C-alpha cells in the first residue's frame, strides 16, 4: 500500500496515510454490511503492514454490528485505535461493552500518541 489512491473505492474510505509507526485510515458515511468492503480491505491491509492502525471515525455517521465486528476482529490482530468517534458510535460501543475493549481517543493526534 503506497497511499490513499490504493484504498479509495466506493467513497467510504476518505483517506489513508502513514503516521509515525502506524497507519491512519479515515472513514466516512454509513458503515454497514453493504458498504463495509472497502474499509475492511483498507484496515486489513494496514494491519498486515503496520504495528498500529488508527481509524479516524470523525466523519462516520453510522455503524452497525458488522462494522463493530470488523473492529473487534482487527483489534485482535493489531494495535487498533479509534479516533474521534461520534455520538452514534460512542453509543454503539457503550451499549455493547466494546468501549471497554477498543482503544478510543478524542482525536487522531491523541490516538497516535503514546
Protein backbone atom coordinates (compact mmCIF):
# COMPACT_ATOMS: atom_id res chain seq x y z
CA UNK A 1 0.00 0.00 0.00
CA UNK A 2 1.61 3.23 -1.07
CA UNK A 3 -1.03 5.81 -0.29
CA UNK A 4 -4.62 6.91 -0.33
CA UNK A 5 -5.07 6.14 -4.01
CA UNK A 6 -4.73 2.42 -3.23
CA UNK A 7 -7.73 2.16 -0.93
CA UNK A 8 -10.30 4.62 -2.21
CA UNK A 9 -13.18 2.67 -3.56
CA UNK A 10 -16.83 3.35 -3.03
CA UNK A 11 -16.25 6.53 -1.06
CA UNK A 12 -16.39 5.02 2.44
CA UNK A 13 -12.61 5.30 2.80
CA UNK A 14 -11.92 9.02 2.78
CA UNK A 15 -8.14 8.87 3.15
CA UNK A 16 -5.29 6.62 4.20
CA UNK A 17 -1.77 7.69 5.15
CA UNK A 18 1.32 6.83 7.22
CA UNK A 19 1.71 8.45 10.64
CA UNK A 20 4.68 7.69 12.87
CA UNK A 21 4.98 3.93 13.27
CA UNK A 22 1.38 3.42 12.24
CA UNK A 23 -1.16 3.99 9.52
CA UNK A 24 -4.30 6.13 9.60
CA UNK A 25 -7.44 5.15 7.72
CA UNK A 26 -10.13 7.83 7.63
CA UNK A 27 -13.66 6.57 7.04
CA UNK A 28 -16.87 8.44 6.32
CA UNK A 29 -20.58 7.93 5.98
CA UNK A 30 -22.67 4.95 6.97
CA UNK A 31 -20.76 1.75 7.69
CA UNK A 32 -22.87 -1.38 7.43
CA UNK A 33 -22.70 -4.76 5.72
CA UNK A 34 -23.46 -3.17 2.34
CA UNK A 35 -20.73 -0.50 2.48
CA UNK A 36 -18.01 -2.08 4.60
CA UNK A 37 -15.93 -3.94 2.00
CA UNK A 38 -13.52 -1.16 1.03
CA UNK A 39 -12.97 -0.15 4.66
CA UNK A 40 -12.32 -3.75 5.66
CA UNK A 41 -9.82 -4.06 2.82
CA UNK A 42 -8.02 -0.84 3.83
CA UNK A 43 -7.89 -1.70 7.54
CA UNK A 44 -6.79 -5.29 6.96
CA UNK A 45 -4.02 -4.23 4.57
CA UNK A 46 -2.84 -1.62 7.06
CA UNK A 47 -2.90 -4.14 9.92
CA UNK A 48 -0.81 -6.56 7.85
CA UNK A 49 1.91 -3.93 7.37
CA UNK A 50 1.90 -1.68 10.43
CA UNK A 51 2.13 -2.28 14.19
CA UNK A 52 -0.56 0.32 14.86
CA UNK A 53 -3.65 1.30 12.87
CA UNK A 54 -5.76 4.35 13.66
CA UNK A 55 -9.30 4.55 12.34
CA UNK A 56 -10.29 8.20 12.01
CA UNK A 57 -14.03 7.90 12.65
CA UNK A 58 -14.74 11.64 12.79
CA UNK A 59 -16.79 11.54 9.55
CA UNK A 60 -18.60 8.27 10.26
CA UNK A 61 -22.33 8.92 10.67
CA UNK A 62 -23.49 5.36 11.40
CA UNK A 63 -22.00 1.97 12.22
CA UNK A 64 -23.86 -1.31 12.64
CA UNK A 65 -22.98 -4.69 14.11
CA UNK A 66 -20.96 -5.73 11.05
CA UNK A 67 -18.81 -2.61 11.50
CA UNK A 68 -18.40 -3.40 15.19
CA UNK A 69 -17.44 -6.99 14.38
CA UNK A 70 -14.80 -5.75 11.93
CA UNK A 71 -13.26 -3.52 14.61
CA UNK A 72 -13.23 -6.33 17.18
CA UNK A 73 -11.58 -8.73 14.71
CA UNK A 74 -8.91 -6.16 13.82
CA UNK A 75 -8.36 -5.38 17.49
CA UNK A 76 -7.09 -8.96 17.90
CA UNK A 77 -4.55 -8.65 15.07
CA UNK A 78 -3.08 -5.16 15.54
CA UNK A 79 -2.91 -2.20 17.89
CA UNK A 80 -6.17 -0.68 16.63
CA UNK A 81 -7.08 2.78 17.88
CA UNK A 82 -10.38 4.50 17.12
CA UNK A 83 -10.13 8.29 16.83
CA UNK A 84 -12.95 10.82 17.22
CA UNK A 85 -16.00 8.54 17.22
CA UNK A 86 -19.26 10.50 17.05
CA UNK A 87 -22.28 10.15 19.31
CA UNK A 88 -23.82 7.19 17.46
CA UNK A 89 -20.59 5.19 17.52
CA UNK A 90 -19.95 6.01 21.18
CA UNK A 91 -23.46 4.76 22.00
CA UNK A 92 -22.88 1.58 19.97
CA UNK A 93 -19.59 0.95 21.78
CA UNK A 94 -21.11 1.65 25.21
CA UNK A 95 -24.24 -0.47 24.68
CA UNK A 96 -22.22 -3.47 23.54
CA UNK A 97 -19.37 -3.07 26.03
CA UNK A 98 -16.92 -2.59 23.17
CA UNK A 99 -15.79 0.66 24.80
CA UNK A 100 -14.05 -1.49 27.43
CA UNK A 101 -12.18 -3.45 24.74
CA UNK A 102 -11.43 -0.97 21.97
CA UNK A 103 -8.95 1.88 22.35
CA UNK A 104 -10.98 5.07 21.89
CA UNK A 105 -9.39 8.52 21.53
CA UNK A 106 -10.79 12.05 21.10
CA UNK A 107 -8.63 12.81 18.03
CA UNK A 108 -6.21 11.26 15.57
CA UNK A 109 -3.35 13.13 17.24
CA UNK A 110 -4.29 11.64 20.64
CA UNK A 111 -4.58 8.17 19.08
CA UNK A 112 -1.10 8.47 17.60
CA UNK A 113 0.38 9.45 20.95
CA UNK A 114 2.00 7.03 23.38
